[in-house]
């Protein structure tokens, strides 16, 4: 029976606290491993590196895109084929949308779209 150094009580006699639940959650946080074939990882990583992403952002974006492809049962190579026709701005918007799916809803990435049409309401707004 292990003894906690802070209380001198065995673990079974110690009252449960919320910190124990948090500690147990984070102790198991990185145990779930996600595996992909190496050719898929190399292809997606190489695509984002070729499009100007630095190595760290290319890796994290590639993993998110591979996860999303797996969730939607899409072949990652087909996903890359559809992304190849996009401009840099369009690619940035698509990646932003996918990354926002994995982010906390209180913190999202965004981009600004310029409004090209004039509306009646816009005549009252001083720009």
Protein backbone atom coordinates (compact mmCIF):
# COMPACT_ATOMS: atom_id res chain seq x y z
CA UNK A 1 0.00 0.00 0.00
CA UNK A 2 1.48 3.32 -1.10
CA UNK A 3 1.65 6.19 1.35
CA UNK A 4 1.01 9.74 0.24
CA UNK A 5 3.85 12.01 1.33
CA UNK A 6 1.49 14.92 1.97
CA UNK A 7 -0.91 13.19 4.36
CA UNK A 8 0.87 10.10 5.76
CA UNK A 9 -2.33 8.17 5.06
CA UNK A 10 -2.53 5.20 2.73
CA UNK A 11 -4.22 6.01 -0.61
CA UNK A 12 -7.25 3.85 0.21
CA UNK A 13 -8.04 5.90 3.34
CA UNK A 14 -7.50 9.29 1.75
CA UNK A 15 -10.67 11.18 0.76
CA UNK A 16 -11.17 11.68 -2.98
CA UNK A 17 -10.75 15.20 -4.24
CA UNK A 18 -11.24 16.88 -7.59
CA UNK A 19 -7.48 17.18 -7.99
CA UNK A 20 -7.25 13.37 -8.07
CA UNK A 21 -9.73 13.25 -10.94
CA UNK A 22 -7.81 15.90 -12.86
CA UNK A 23 -4.49 14.14 -12.24
CA UNK A 24 -5.91 10.81 -13.40
CA UNK A 25 -7.34 12.43 -16.55
CA UNK A 26 -4.03 14.01 -17.56
CA UNK A 27 -2.02 10.93 -16.64
CA UNK A 28 -4.02 9.05 -19.28
CA UNK A 29 -4.20 11.93 -21.77
CA UNK A 30 -1.28 10.92 -23.99
CA UNK A 31 -1.79 7.15 -23.79
CA UNK A 32 -4.17 7.04 -26.78
CA UNK A 33 -2.01 6.73 -29.86
CA UNK A 34 -3.27 7.47 -33.32
CA UNK A 35 -1.49 5.71 -36.15
CA UNK A 36 -1.51 6.40 -39.86
CA UNK A 37 0.43 4.74 -42.66
CA UNK A 38 3.77 6.44 -43.19
CA UNK A 39 3.07 7.17 -46.86
CA UNK A 40 -0.05 9.15 -45.92
CA UNK A 41 1.82 11.14 -43.27
CA UNK A 42 4.68 11.87 -45.65
CA UNK A 43 2.33 12.93 -48.46
CA UNK A 44 0.21 15.28 -46.34
CA UNK A 45 3.24 16.68 -44.51
CA UNK A 46 5.07 17.22 -47.79
CA UNK A 47 2.05 18.96 -49.29
CA UNK A 48 1.84 21.51 -46.49
CA UNK A 49 5.61 22.03 -46.43
CA UNK A 50 5.56 22.66 -50.19
CA UNK A 51 2.75 25.18 -49.74
CA UNK A 52 4.90 27.28 -47.39
CA UNK A 53 3.99 25.98 -43.92
CA UNK A 54 6.88 25.69 -41.49
CA UNK A 55 7.67 22.22 -40.16
CA UNK A 56 5.82 22.39 -36.85
CA UNK A 57 2.64 23.90 -38.29
CA UNK A 58 2.79 21.48 -41.24
CA UNK A 59 3.00 18.53 -38.83
CA UNK A 60 0.12 19.65 -36.64
CA UNK A 61 -2.03 20.58 -39.63
CA UNK A 62 -1.25 17.27 -41.32
CA UNK A 63 -2.30 15.28 -38.25
CA UNK A 64 -5.53 17.26 -37.93
CA UNK A 65 -6.30 16.76 -41.64
CA UNK A 66 -5.54 13.02 -41.40
CA UNK A 67 -7.81 12.72 -38.35
CA UNK A 68 -10.58 14.56 -40.15
CA UNK A 69 -10.14 12.39 -43.24
CA UNK A 70 -10.39 9.27 -41.09
CA UNK A 71 -13.53 10.55 -39.34
CA UNK A 72 -15.21 11.26 -42.67
CA UNK A 73 -13.94 8.06 -44.35
CA UNK A 74 -12.11 10.03 -47.04
CA UNK A 75 -8.89 8.81 -48.60
CA UNK A 76 -6.17 11.35 -47.65
CA UNK A 77 -4.80 11.24 -51.19
CA UNK A 78 -8.20 12.30 -52.56
CA UNK A 79 -8.23 15.07 -49.98
CA UNK A 80 -4.85 16.29 -51.22
CA UNK A 81 -6.07 16.17 -54.82
CA UNK A 82 -8.97 18.48 -53.95
CA UNK A 83 -6.67 20.85 -52.04
CA UNK A 84 -4.20 21.12 -54.94
CA UNK A 85 -6.54 23.34 -56.94
CA UNK A 86 -6.87 25.95 -54.18
CA UNK A 87 -5.05 29.24 -54.02
CA UNK A 88 -3.06 30.12 -50.89
CA UNK A 89 -5.93 32.20 -49.52
CA UNK A 90 -8.49 29.47 -50.16
CA UNK A 91 -6.20 26.86 -48.59
CA UNK A 92 -5.79 29.08 -45.54
CA UNK A 93 -9.56 29.35 -45.20
CA UNK A 94 -10.08 25.59 -45.50
CA UNK A 95 -7.34 24.84 -42.96
CA UNK A 96 -8.81 27.46 -40.61
CA UNK A 97 -12.24 25.84 -40.81
CA UNK A 98 -10.85 22.37 -40.10
CA UNK A 99 -8.66 23.61 -37.22
CA UNK A 100 -11.65 25.38 -35.67
CA UNK A 101 -13.44 22.03 -35.42
CA UNK A 102 -10.70 20.85 -33.05
CA UNK A 103 -10.43 24.07 -31.02
CA UNK A 104 -12.36 25.13 -27.95
CA UNK A 105 -15.42 27.09 -29.04
CA UNK A 106 -14.35 30.08 -26.94
CA UNK A 107 -11.19 30.45 -29.01
CA UNK A 108 -11.49 30.25 -32.77
CA UNK A 109 -9.32 31.19 -35.68
CA UNK A 110 -10.81 33.57 -38.18
CA UNK A 111 -10.38 35.42 -41.39
CA UNK A 112 -11.98 38.49 -42.84
CA UNK A 113 -14.06 38.36 -45.97
CA UNK A 114 -14.49 41.63 -47.80
CA UNK A 115 -18.03 42.46 -48.85
CA UNK A 116 -18.12 43.31 -52.54
CA UNK A 117 -21.73 44.34 -52.97
CA UNK A 118 -23.25 47.57 -51.81
CA UNK A 119 -26.42 47.29 -49.76
CA UNK A 120 -28.91 49.93 -48.73
CA UNK A 121 -27.85 49.55 -45.12
CA UNK A 122 -24.20 50.28 -45.91
CA UNK A 123 -24.97 53.82 -47.10
CA UNK A 124 -25.62 54.79 -43.50
CA UNK A 125 -22.28 53.49 -42.24
CA UNK A 126 -19.37 55.92 -42.30
CA UNK A 127 -16.25 54.14 -43.45
